[in-house]
Each structure stands twice: as C-alpha cells, then as structure tokens.
Amino acid sequence: MASVWVEHTQNHIWFLDQSSCDVFVEEFSLSVANFTSCIVTHSRPFSVCMQCYEQYKSCQSIYDVLLKTTDAERGRPCADKIVSNDYVKMILKVHDFVEDAWTRCYAGNDSTDLANSTIEFLRRLTLFNGCIFNELADNMPYIIPGILPVNKTVCKVCSASYKNLSDYYSTLDPDFNGHFCMDLSDSMNFTWNLWHENFKCPARVRLTDVCISTSIALLVIPILFYLLARICRNSITKIFLRGVTSYARSACCET
C-alpha cells in the first residue's frame, strides 16, 4: 500500500508541474519507440536507411521543436525544464542513441533524405531481382526455403541487369559527401553471393571480355613480331648485298 501511495503522490506532484512541454516529451517517446522498432525489424536483411528514414526524421523534428518551444503559461523554455534540469539527462541520451544509430547506418550522413545515388541503386537492384524472380518462377513450388536451385539460364538471361547493377555500384564511393547508405553495401554483398555462390555465374561479367581480348592479343603479338623480324631481316640482307655488289663493281672499274 505504501508503494502505491508513494507512486500516486509522485504522479500528483508531477501533475502540478505539467505544461505544454510534456506533450512533446510524449511525442518524442513514441517517435523513438517507432524508430527503434524499425531499425531492429530491418536489421536483416539490412535496409535501415531505406526503410527507417521517415521514423528518424520524425525523431529529429519533434526533438527540435522540444528544444525551441517555450511553455506559454510559464514562459519557460522546454529545453531548460526537460533537458537541462534533468540530472540523468535521459532524453538527451536517448536522442544521442538515435543519432548514433542513424550515423552508423548512413555512414556518417545526418541527412533525412535518400540520396539520388541510393534511389538509382534501388532501381537497378529491383530490375535485377525481378529478372531472377522471373527465371525462377516456374520452379517456385519446388524451391526449399533458403536453398536456391542452380539455374544456368539465370547467368545468361540476367547478365545484363547484373552488370548494370554491379558497374553502377563500383562507381559509388563510401566517402563521397557522407551520402553512402550502408544498405547498399549489404545488398550488393548479398547479390554477389547469390550470383556467384548460388547460381555459379561469373563473379564479374566484364572479365570474360577482358580474358578474350587478352588471349587474342597474346596470340597475335608473336605472329606480328615474327613477320616484322622476317621483313626486317630480308631488307637488311638486300641492303647488304647491294653494298657488296656496288663495292665489287667499283673495284673492277678501278682495275
């Protein structure tokens, strides 16, 4: 009974100090809960910055309002009442957690919008996944969950969309202006593993063209070198014979 009375008394005393600032505290609490649920749900496969940026934006917006708002009744800034006067600074620590989680997911970027490079990558990834799905559609009823069948036609039919995706990813720099979504790295690693390990396709489609060109060059160069050496040798022989003949004629004339 004593604990119930203490809790009731504390709630009653806190009610005497309630203000419009407390509305933002409740809103911030709900936004943090939604963000936390989102990042945990989308941690595997990793798609946090693509799926949770709206929740992150909500946390930031409410927190900014909380810091800038003044209690209309008491004329006291909400930041002083809720953030600064809190010895534990729990709200500040929770906000730091949200910031740290988002920074790790977006490789140092504090933007709440998806970069154009991320959107373009998603478009190409969707095309590649669609190609894979269409090729496996006939086998879907027989596919064991977690185990994809080896389908050599995938390597041929989907090579263009795979190359389109892989080449674009290779142009992305994880350090460019901090706009690198870590979802891209995780998605590309999964795609490489799917392409190479599951379907046994070449890890890099463009390597085939390079190998063919290199092989042709290695075959042609010795032939060209032999022909050039033969032409040069014949020319040198002719020049030498002409010189000897000319010298012999000159010697005969002098005699």
Protein backbone atom coordinates (compact mmCIF):
# COMPACT_ATOMS: atom_id res chain seq x y z
CA MET A 1 0.00 0.00 0.00
CA ALA A 2 2.87 2.35 0.85
CA SER A 3 4.42 1.97 -2.60
CA VAL A 4 1.06 2.65 -4.24
CA TRP A 5 0.64 5.78 -2.11
CA VAL A 6 4.15 7.00 -2.99
CA GLU A 7 3.53 6.45 -6.71
CA HIS A 8 0.20 8.22 -6.51
CA THR A 9 1.77 11.11 -4.60
CA GLN A 10 4.63 11.45 -7.10
CA ASN A 11 2.22 11.45 -10.03
CA HIS A 12 0.09 14.07 -8.30
CA ILE A 13 3.09 16.31 -7.59
CA TRP A 14 4.34 15.94 -11.17
CA PHE A 15 0.88 16.84 -12.43
CA LEU A 16 1.22 20.20 -10.65
CA ASP A 17 4.28 20.96 -12.79
CA GLN A 18 2.91 19.70 -16.09
CA SER A 19 2.95 22.07 -19.05
CA SER A 20 2.71 22.10 -22.82
CA CYS A 21 6.31 20.84 -22.93
CA ASP A 22 5.19 17.43 -21.68
CA VAL A 23 3.19 16.90 -24.84
CA PHE A 24 6.41 16.96 -26.86
CA VAL A 25 8.08 14.57 -24.41
CA GLU A 26 5.35 12.02 -25.03
CA GLU A 27 5.55 12.56 -28.79
CA PHE A 28 9.33 12.18 -28.71
CA SER A 29 8.99 8.97 -26.71
CA LEU A 30 6.63 7.49 -29.29
CA SER A 31 8.85 8.55 -32.20
CA VAL A 32 11.92 6.95 -30.60
CA ALA A 33 9.97 3.73 -30.00
CA ASN A 34 8.91 3.65 -33.65
CA PHE A 35 12.46 4.30 -34.83
CA THR A 36 13.91 1.60 -32.57
CA SER A 37 11.32 -0.92 -33.72
CA CYS A 38 12.06 -0.07 -37.35
CA ILE A 39 15.86 -0.47 -37.17
CA VAL A 40 15.56 -3.79 -35.33
CA THR A 41 12.97 -5.11 -37.79
CA HIS A 42 15.05 -4.14 -40.83
CA SER A 43 18.43 -5.20 -39.46
CA ARG A 44 18.32 -8.41 -41.52
CA PRO A 45 18.34 -8.09 -44.41
CA PHE A 46 19.87 -4.72 -43.67
CA SER A 47 17.63 -1.99 -45.04
CA VAL A 48 17.57 0.60 -42.28
CA CYS A 49 18.36 3.80 -44.15
CA MET A 50 15.90 2.90 -46.91
CA GLN A 51 13.05 1.87 -44.61
CA CYS A 52 13.52 3.95 -41.44
CA TYR A 53 14.41 7.46 -42.59
CA GLU A 54 10.83 8.67 -42.04
CA GLN A 55 10.98 7.48 -38.42
CA TYR A 56 14.35 9.16 -37.98
CA LYS A 57 13.01 12.37 -39.48
CA SER A 58 10.12 12.27 -37.01
CA CYS A 59 12.51 11.92 -34.06
CA GLN A 60 14.58 14.85 -35.24
CA SER A 61 11.61 17.10 -35.92
CA ILE A 62 9.98 16.53 -32.54
CA TYR A 63 13.29 16.92 -30.69
CA ASP A 64 13.99 20.21 -32.48
CA VAL A 65 10.54 21.51 -31.56
CA LEU A 66 11.12 20.41 -27.98
CA LEU A 67 14.32 22.44 -27.76
CA LYS A 68 12.89 25.55 -29.38
CA THR A 69 9.46 25.66 -27.72
CA THR A 70 8.66 27.86 -24.73
CA ASP A 71 5.92 27.00 -22.25
CA ALA A 72 3.18 29.51 -22.99
CA GLU A 73 1.86 29.52 -19.40
CA ARG A 74 5.12 29.88 -17.51
CA GLY A 75 7.32 31.44 -20.19
CA ARG A 76 9.98 28.83 -19.50
CA PRO A 77 11.91 27.14 -22.34
CA CYS A 78 11.14 23.44 -22.62
CA ALA A 79 14.85 22.75 -23.02
CA ASP A 80 15.51 24.14 -19.52
CA LYS A 81 12.63 22.30 -17.92
CA ILE A 82 13.05 18.89 -19.52
CA VAL A 83 16.60 18.62 -20.84
CA SER A 84 18.90 20.87 -18.83
CA ASN A 85 17.37 20.29 -15.38
CA ASP A 86 17.32 16.51 -15.81
CA TYR A 87 20.35 15.26 -13.86
CA VAL A 88 20.38 11.92 -15.67
CA LYS A 89 19.74 13.70 -19.00
CA MET A 90 17.82 10.67 -20.22
CA ILE A 91 16.12 12.49 -23.10
CA LEU A 92 19.47 13.78 -24.32
CA LYS A 93 21.00 10.29 -24.10
CA VAL A 94 18.09 8.77 -25.99
CA HIS A 95 18.49 11.39 -28.71
CA ASP A 96 22.22 10.61 -28.89
CA PHE A 97 21.33 6.93 -29.35
CA VAL A 98 19.07 7.79 -32.29
CA GLU A 99 21.78 9.96 -33.85
CA ASP A 100 24.46 7.30 -33.40
CA ALA A 101 22.27 4.54 -34.85
CA TRP A 102 21.42 6.61 -37.92
CA THR A 103 25.02 7.74 -38.44
CA ARG A 104 26.20 4.13 -38.43
CA CYS A 105 23.51 3.13 -40.91
CA TYR A 106 24.17 6.04 -43.24
CA ALA A 107 27.97 6.08 -42.99
CA GLY A 108 28.31 9.45 -41.34
CA ASN A 109 25.47 11.24 -43.06
CA ASP A 110 22.92 13.13 -40.97
CA SER A 111 20.56 13.70 -43.89
CA THR A 112 16.96 12.57 -43.57
CA ASP A 113 16.53 12.15 -47.32
CA LEU A 114 17.71 9.35 -49.55
CA ALA A 115 20.48 10.39 -51.92
CA ASN A 116 19.89 10.17 -55.68
CA SER A 117 22.61 7.51 -55.88
CA THR A 118 20.70 5.35 -53.40
CA ILE A 119 17.47 5.71 -55.34
CA GLU A 120 19.23 4.82 -58.61
CA PHE A 121 20.87 1.78 -56.99
CA LEU A 122 17.48 0.60 -55.73
CA ARG A 123 16.02 0.95 -59.20
CA ARG A 124 18.74 -1.23 -60.71
CA LEU A 125 18.54 -3.71 -57.86
CA THR A 126 14.79 -4.04 -58.42
CA LEU A 127 15.37 -4.81 -62.10
CA PHE A 128 17.94 -7.48 -61.26
CA ASN A 129 15.76 -9.09 -58.57
CA GLY A 130 12.83 -9.04 -60.98
CA CYS A 131 14.88 -10.89 -63.59
CA ILE A 132 15.93 -13.53 -61.05
CA PHE A 133 12.34 -13.96 -59.87
CA ASN A 134 11.01 -14.36 -63.40
CA GLU A 135 13.60 -17.03 -64.22
CA LEU A 136 12.82 -18.99 -61.07
CA ALA A 137 9.05 -18.54 -61.25
CA ASP A 138 8.47 -21.97 -62.81
CA ASN A 139 10.47 -23.64 -60.04
CA MET A 140 8.96 -21.71 -57.14
CA PRO A 141 6.72 -24.57 -55.86
CA TYR A 142 9.78 -26.85 -55.65
CA ILE A 143 12.23 -24.43 -54.05
CA ILE A 144 13.25 -25.27 -50.50
CA PRO A 145 13.26 -22.12 -48.31
CA GLY A 146 16.82 -20.82 -48.01
CA ILE A 147 18.12 -23.01 -50.85
CA LEU A 148 18.04 -21.71 -54.42
CA PRO A 149 18.42 -24.13 -57.33
CA VAL A 150 21.37 -23.82 -59.68
CA ASN A 151 19.88 -22.31 -62.81
CA LYS A 152 22.40 -21.68 -65.57
CA THR A 153 19.88 -19.76 -67.67
CA VAL A 154 19.94 -17.07 -64.98
CA CYS A 155 23.58 -16.34 -65.80
CA LYS A 156 22.71 -15.71 -69.43
CA VAL A 157 19.33 -14.02 -69.16
CA CYS A 158 20.15 -11.79 -66.17
CA SER A 159 23.78 -10.98 -67.00
CA ALA A 160 22.88 -7.56 -68.42
CA SER A 161 20.90 -6.47 -65.35
CA TYR A 162 23.61 -7.86 -63.07
CA LYS A 163 26.35 -5.99 -64.91
CA ASN A 164 24.20 -2.85 -64.89
CA LEU A 165 23.89 -3.08 -61.10
CA SER A 166 27.46 -4.14 -60.36
CA ASP A 167 29.04 -1.49 -62.59
CA TYR A 168 26.96 1.27 -61.01
CA TYR A 169 27.87 0.12 -57.51
CA SER A 170 31.57 0.20 -58.40
CA THR A 171 31.21 3.93 -59.19
CA LEU A 172 29.91 4.70 -55.70
CA ASP A 173 32.41 5.95 -53.16
CA PRO A 174 31.59 5.25 -49.48
CA ASP A 175 33.19 8.58 -48.54
CA PHE A 176 31.57 10.91 -51.07
CA ASN A 177 29.89 13.65 -49.05
CA GLY A 178 28.75 11.10 -46.49
CA HIS A 179 25.80 10.06 -48.67
CA PHE A 180 26.52 6.33 -48.70
CA CYS A 181 23.69 4.19 -47.40
CA MET A 182 25.05 1.04 -45.75
CA ASP A 183 22.04 -0.84 -47.09
CA LEU A 184 23.73 -0.67 -50.49
CA SER A 185 26.83 -2.46 -49.26
CA ASP A 186 24.82 -5.21 -47.60
CA SER A 187 22.53 -5.62 -50.61
CA MET A 188 25.46 -5.79 -53.03
CA ASN A 189 27.30 -8.36 -50.92
CA PHE A 190 24.15 -10.50 -50.92
CA THR A 191 23.80 -10.05 -54.69
CA TRP A 192 27.41 -11.06 -55.33
CA ASN A 193 26.98 -14.15 -53.15
CA LEU A 194 23.70 -15.04 -54.88
CA TRP A 195 25.22 -14.62 -58.35
CA HIS A 196 28.50 -16.39 -57.73
CA GLU A 197 27.82 -18.95 -55.00
CA ASN A 198 24.20 -19.96 -55.65
CA PHE A 199 23.92 -19.67 -59.41
CA LYS A 200 27.63 -20.33 -60.13
CA CYS A 201 27.75 -17.38 -62.52
CA PRO A 202 30.96 -15.43 -63.21
CA ALA A 203 31.72 -13.05 -60.37
CA ARG A 204 32.30 -10.26 -62.87
CA VAL A 205 30.67 -10.47 -66.28
CA ARG A 206 33.06 -7.98 -67.83
CA LEU A 207 36.05 -10.20 -67.01
CA THR A 208 35.02 -12.53 -69.83
CA ASP A 209 35.56 -9.85 -72.46
CA VAL A 210 38.88 -8.92 -70.90
CA CYS A 211 40.09 -12.52 -70.94
CA ILE A 212 39.10 -12.98 -74.58
CA SER A 213 40.84 -9.76 -75.63
CA THR A 214 43.97 -10.68 -73.69
CA SER A 215 44.09 -14.16 -75.21
CA ILE A 216 43.75 -12.80 -78.75
CA ALA A 217 46.48 -10.25 -78.09
CA LEU A 218 48.85 -12.93 -76.78
CA LEU A 219 48.28 -15.00 -79.91
CA VAL A 220 48.62 -12.13 -82.38
CA ILE A 221 51.68 -10.39 -80.91
CA PRO A 222 54.17 -13.26 -81.54
CA ILE A 223 52.93 -13.60 -85.13
CA LEU A 224 53.34 -9.88 -85.76
CA PHE A 225 56.77 -9.94 -84.17
CA TYR A 226 57.85 -12.87 -86.36
CA LEU A 227 56.59 -11.19 -89.55
CA LEU A 228 58.27 -7.90 -88.62
CA ALA A 229 61.55 -9.67 -87.88
CA ARG A 230 61.38 -11.54 -91.18
CA ILE A 231 60.67 -8.35 -93.16
CA CYS A 232 63.49 -6.50 -91.43
CA ARG A 233 65.91 -9.38 -91.99
CA ASN A 234 65.11 -9.52 -95.72
CA SER A 235 65.55 -5.77 -96.03
CA ILE A 236 68.89 -5.84 -94.24
CA THR A 237 70.07 -8.74 -96.43
CA LYS A 238 69.12 -6.88 -99.60
CA ILE A 239 70.88 -3.72 -98.43
CA PHE A 240 73.99 -5.72 -97.56
CA LEU A 241 74.04 -7.50 -100.93
CA ARG A 242 73.60 -4.22 -102.77
CA GLY A 243 76.51 -2.77 -100.87
CA VAL A 244 78.77 -5.72 -101.66
CA THR A 245 77.79 -5.67 -105.33
CA SER A 246 78.39 -1.94 -105.60
CA TYR A 247 81.78 -2.27 -103.93
CA ALA A 248 82.79 -5.12 -106.26
CA ARG A 249 81.82 -3.13 -109.35
CA SER A 250 83.79 -0.13 -108.13
CA ALA A 251 86.85 -2.29 -107.55
CA CYS A 252 86.62 -3.80 -111.03
CA CYS A 253 86.35 -0.39 -112.67
CA GLU A 254 89.41 0.88 -110.85
CA THR A 255 91.40 -2.17 -112.01
